[in-house]
Protein backbone atom coordinates (compact mmCIF):
# COMPACT_ATOMS: atom_id res chain seq x y z
CA MET A 1 -60.34 -86.80 -19.99
CA LYS A 2 -58.38 -88.33 -17.17
CA LYS A 3 -56.08 -85.29 -17.24
CA ILE A 4 -58.87 -82.64 -17.04
CA VAL A 5 -60.07 -84.14 -13.90
CA LEU A 6 -56.86 -84.08 -12.17
CA ILE A 7 -55.95 -80.78 -13.38
CA VAL A 8 -59.55 -79.66 -11.53
CA VAL A 9 -58.81 -81.83 -8.35
CA PHE A 10 -55.27 -80.48 -8.34
CA SER A 11 -56.58 -77.00 -8.70
CA PHE A 12 -59.14 -77.50 -5.88
CA PHE A 13 -56.25 -78.38 -3.30
CA LEU A 14 -54.21 -75.75 -4.60
CA SER A 15 -56.98 -73.34 -3.79
CA ASN A 16 -57.90 -74.78 -0.29
CA CYS A 17 -54.43 -74.42 0.60
CA ALA A 18 -54.27 -70.96 -0.54
CA ASN A 19 -57.15 -69.97 1.06
CA SER A 20 -56.46 -72.21 4.75
CA SER A 21 -53.43 -70.11 5.13
CA ALA A 22 -54.41 -66.72 4.15
CA PRO A 23 -56.73 -65.94 7.83
CA GLU A 24 -53.85 -67.35 9.35
CA SER A 25 -51.32 -64.45 8.17
CA LYS A 26 -54.17 -62.09 8.45
CA GLN A 27 -54.39 -63.60 12.37
CA LYS A 28 -50.67 -63.05 12.87
CA GLU A 29 -50.85 -59.59 11.38
CA LYS A 30 -53.68 -58.79 13.72
CA VAL A 31 -51.46 -59.72 16.68
CA SER A 32 -48.38 -58.18 15.93
CA LYS A 33 -50.70 -54.61 15.46
CA GLU A 34 -51.95 -55.23 19.31
CA GLU A 35 -48.76 -56.40 20.64
CA GLY A 36 -47.09 -52.94 18.91
CA THR A 37 -49.50 -50.83 20.77
CA THR A 38 -49.94 -49.57 24.20
CA ALA A 39 -53.39 -50.41 25.57
CA LEU A 40 -55.32 -46.91 27.05
CA GLN A 41 -56.31 -46.82 30.50
CA THR A 42 -59.21 -44.23 30.29
CA GLU A 43 -60.34 -43.11 33.76
CA GLN A 44 -62.85 -40.19 34.44
CA ILE A 45 -62.89 -38.49 38.00
CA THR A 46 -65.06 -35.45 39.28
CA LEU A 47 -62.94 -32.89 41.46
CA LYS A 48 -64.40 -30.04 43.37
CA ILE A 49 -62.67 -26.83 42.65
CA GLU A 50 -62.73 -23.93 45.38
CA GLY A 51 -61.61 -20.19 44.70
CA MET A 52 -63.31 -19.92 41.15
CA LYS A 53 -64.63 -16.57 41.11
CA CYS A 54 -66.19 -16.46 37.29
CA PRO A 55 -66.95 -18.97 34.68
CA HIS A 56 -64.94 -16.91 31.82
CA GLY A 57 -62.21 -16.32 33.34
CA CYS A 58 -61.44 -19.19 35.91
CA ALA A 59 -63.19 -22.13 34.88
CA ALA A 60 -62.17 -21.60 31.34
CA MET A 61 -58.49 -21.22 32.45
CA ILE A 62 -58.69 -24.47 34.71
CA GLU A 63 -60.37 -26.58 31.64
CA LYS A 64 -57.84 -25.51 29.14
CA ASN A 65 -54.63 -26.22 31.44
CA LEU A 66 -56.10 -29.75 31.91
CA LYS A 67 -57.07 -30.11 28.12
CA ASN A 68 -53.54 -29.13 27.28
CA THR A 69 -51.98 -31.78 29.54
CA GLN A 70 -50.43 -34.61 28.17
CA GLY A 71 -52.55 -37.75 29.02
CA VAL A 72 -56.00 -35.58 29.37
CA LYS A 73 -58.83 -37.04 26.72
CA GLU A 74 -61.34 -34.43 27.88
CA ALA A 75 -62.19 -31.78 30.45
CA GLU A 76 -64.79 -29.94 31.33
CA VAL A 77 -64.96 -27.43 34.43
CA ASN A 78 -68.39 -26.24 35.41
CA PHE A 79 -68.59 -22.61 37.30
CA ASP A 80 -71.84 -23.74 38.58
CA THR A 81 -71.22 -26.87 40.03
CA LYS A 82 -67.30 -25.95 41.19
CA ALA A 83 -66.26 -29.16 39.69
CA ALA A 84 -64.03 -30.63 36.74
CA VAL A 85 -64.79 -33.85 35.20
CA ILE A 86 -61.89 -35.00 33.69
CA SER A 87 -61.14 -38.27 31.38
CA TYR A 88 -57.23 -39.21 31.38
CA ASP A 89 -55.25 -42.15 30.77
CA SER A 90 -54.04 -43.38 34.17
CA HIS A 91 -51.12 -44.95 32.61
CA LYS A 92 -49.80 -41.39 32.40
CA LEU A 93 -51.34 -39.48 34.95
CA SER A 94 -52.13 -40.00 38.83
CA ILE A 95 -55.25 -38.04 40.55
CA LYS A 96 -52.26 -36.05 42.38
CA ASN A 97 -50.84 -34.72 38.78
CA LEU A 98 -54.25 -33.21 38.01
CA ILE A 99 -54.93 -31.68 41.52
CA SER A 100 -51.34 -30.38 40.83
CA VAL A 101 -52.46 -28.67 37.29
CA ILE A 102 -55.79 -27.29 38.68
CA GLU A 103 -54.28 -25.69 42.07
CA ASN A 104 -51.17 -24.49 39.89
CA THR A 105 -53.09 -22.59 37.51
CA ASN A 106 -52.89 -19.08 37.89
CA GLY A 107 -49.78 -19.31 39.53
CA GLY A 108 -51.00 -21.63 42.27
CA ASP A 109 -52.54 -19.22 44.68
CA ALA A 110 -56.55 -19.25 43.64
CA TYR A 111 -57.56 -22.58 43.34
CA THR A 112 -57.98 -25.40 45.65
CA VAL A 113 -59.36 -29.10 44.85
CA VAL A 114 -61.62 -30.43 48.00
CA THR A 115 -60.83 -34.17 48.82
CA GLU A 116 -63.41 -35.80 50.99
């Protein structure tokens, strides 16, 4: 009977030791995953655009160029409001970069970003 009690007690301690170390290893794994990734700093900006003459050509072309720019998460150009709403990674792009993409669409002669 003593042997059974000892085996049960010993098994209990071993299982507790194994369980207590599991969360620690999971936590370390979580930290290393976080350390390995770069934090994404998403910003959103609305830029007024002059020079758009049509919704299907001008606005669509600017929107396509913005969406194809590395660091832009989302872009929507609205012809009626003459504005672009852009979500972007501010670690990769500046507002000047976004303005440059817009103003250089179509050879750089057609569009101007209005800053107030």
